[in-house]
Amino acid sequence: MNAAIMAAAQGAEHSAHTELPMDPIYFGLITLAIFLTMGIVTRSWKGISHRH
């Protein structure tokens, strides 16, 4: 039984490895761009009630 567990663990170790579709830094840069865009949109609505 121990040999079967070890064989399954070695087989799963190789199949669990996946490659990222791009470099990790780009995930952070895309997230930063999204948050900056949301911040700009939020700030653009500041004071809109005082115009009317």
C-alpha atoms as a PDB file:
ATOM      1  CA  MET A   1       0.000   0.000   0.000  1.00  0.00           C
ATOM      2  CA  ASN A   2       2.833   2.392   0.800  1.00  0.00           C
ATOM      3  CA  ALA A   3       4.326   1.854  -2.661  1.00  0.00           C
ATOM      4  CA  ALA A   4       0.959   2.673  -4.275  1.00  0.00           C
ATOM      5  CA  ILE A   5       0.701   5.922  -2.328  1.00  0.00           C
ATOM      6  CA  MET A   6       4.249   6.912  -3.278  1.00  0.00           C
ATOM      7  CA  ALA A   7       3.607   6.122  -6.949  1.00  0.00           C
ATOM      8  CA  ALA A   8       0.402   8.179  -6.909  1.00  0.00           C
ATOM      9  CA  ALA A   9       2.184  11.099  -5.228  1.00  0.00           C
ATOM     10  CA  GLN A  10       4.972  11.071  -7.803  1.00  0.00           C
ATOM     11  CA  GLY A  11       2.469  10.933 -10.659  1.00  0.00           C
ATOM     12  CA  ALA A  12       0.402  13.765  -9.233  1.00  0.00           C
ATOM     13  CA  GLU A  13       3.490  15.892  -8.666  1.00  0.00           C
ATOM     14  CA  HIS A  14       4.245  16.111 -12.359  1.00  0.00           C
ATOM     15  CA  SER A  15       0.663  16.674 -13.483  1.00  0.00           C
ATOM     16  CA  ALA A  16       0.005  19.449 -10.924  1.00  0.00           C
ATOM     17  CA  HIS A  17       2.585  21.782 -12.481  1.00  0.00           C
ATOM     18  CA  THR A  18       1.049  24.419 -14.739  1.00  0.00           C
ATOM     19  CA  GLU A  19       2.579  27.392 -16.483  1.00  0.00           C
ATOM     20  CA  LEU A  20       1.248  30.914 -16.049  1.00  0.00           C
ATOM     21  CA  PRO A  21      -0.031  32.516 -19.242  1.00  0.00           C
ATOM     22  CA  MET A  22       2.232  35.575 -18.665  1.00  0.00           C
ATOM     23  CA  ASP A  23       4.901  36.850 -16.300  1.00  0.00           C
ATOM     24  CA  PRO A  24       3.668  37.428 -12.723  1.00  0.00           C
ATOM     25  CA  ILE A  25       4.485  41.159 -12.824  1.00  0.00           C
ATOM     26  CA  TYR A  26       1.846  41.682 -15.508  1.00  0.00           C
ATOM     27  CA  PHE A  27      -0.911  40.353 -13.227  1.00  0.00           C
ATOM     28  CA  GLY A  28      -0.051  43.110 -10.761  1.00  0.00           C
ATOM     29  CA  LEU A  29       0.163  45.773 -13.459  1.00  0.00           C
ATOM     30  CA  ILE A  30      -3.229  44.805 -14.902  1.00  0.00           C
ATOM     31  CA  THR A  31      -4.762  44.862 -11.417  1.00  0.00           C
ATOM     32  CA  LEU A  32      -3.218  48.272 -10.732  1.00  0.00           C
ATOM     33  CA  ALA A  33      -4.616  49.621 -14.007  1.00  0.00           C
ATOM     34  CA  ILE A  34      -8.083  48.311 -13.167  1.00  0.00           C
ATOM     35  CA  PHE A  35      -8.045  49.901  -9.702  1.00  0.00           C
ATOM     36  CA  LEU A  36      -6.752  53.219 -11.067  1.00  0.00           C
ATOM     37  CA  THR A  37      -9.511  53.231 -13.687  1.00  0.00           C
ATOM     38  CA  MET A  38     -12.140  52.514 -11.032  1.00  0.00           C
ATOM     39  CA  GLY A  39     -10.692  55.302  -8.864  1.00  0.00           C
ATOM     40  CA  ILE A  40     -10.811  57.792 -11.736  1.00  0.00           C
ATOM     41  CA  VAL A  41     -14.416  56.875 -12.503  1.00  0.00           C
ATOM     42  CA  THR A  42     -15.335  57.201  -8.830  1.00  0.00           C
ATOM     43  CA  ARG A  43     -13.624  60.593  -8.517  1.00  0.00           C
ATOM     44  CA  SER A  44     -15.328  61.870 -11.664  1.00  0.00           C
ATOM     45  CA  TRP A  45     -18.708  61.622  -9.889  1.00  0.00           C
ATOM     46  CA  LYS A  46     -17.498  63.694  -6.897  1.00  0.00           C
ATOM     47  CA  GLY A  47     -19.619  66.803  -6.422  1.00  0.00           C
ATOM     48  CA  ILE A  48     -22.072  66.023  -9.211  1.00  0.00           C
ATOM     49  CA  SER A  49     -25.034  66.752  -6.912  1.00  0.00           C
ATOM     50  CA  HIS A  50     -23.849  70.344  -6.388  1.00  0.00           C
ATOM     51  CA  ARG A  51     -24.099  71.194 -10.092  1.00  0.00           C
ATOM     52  CA  HIS A  52     -27.887  71.123 -10.225  1.00  0.00           C
END
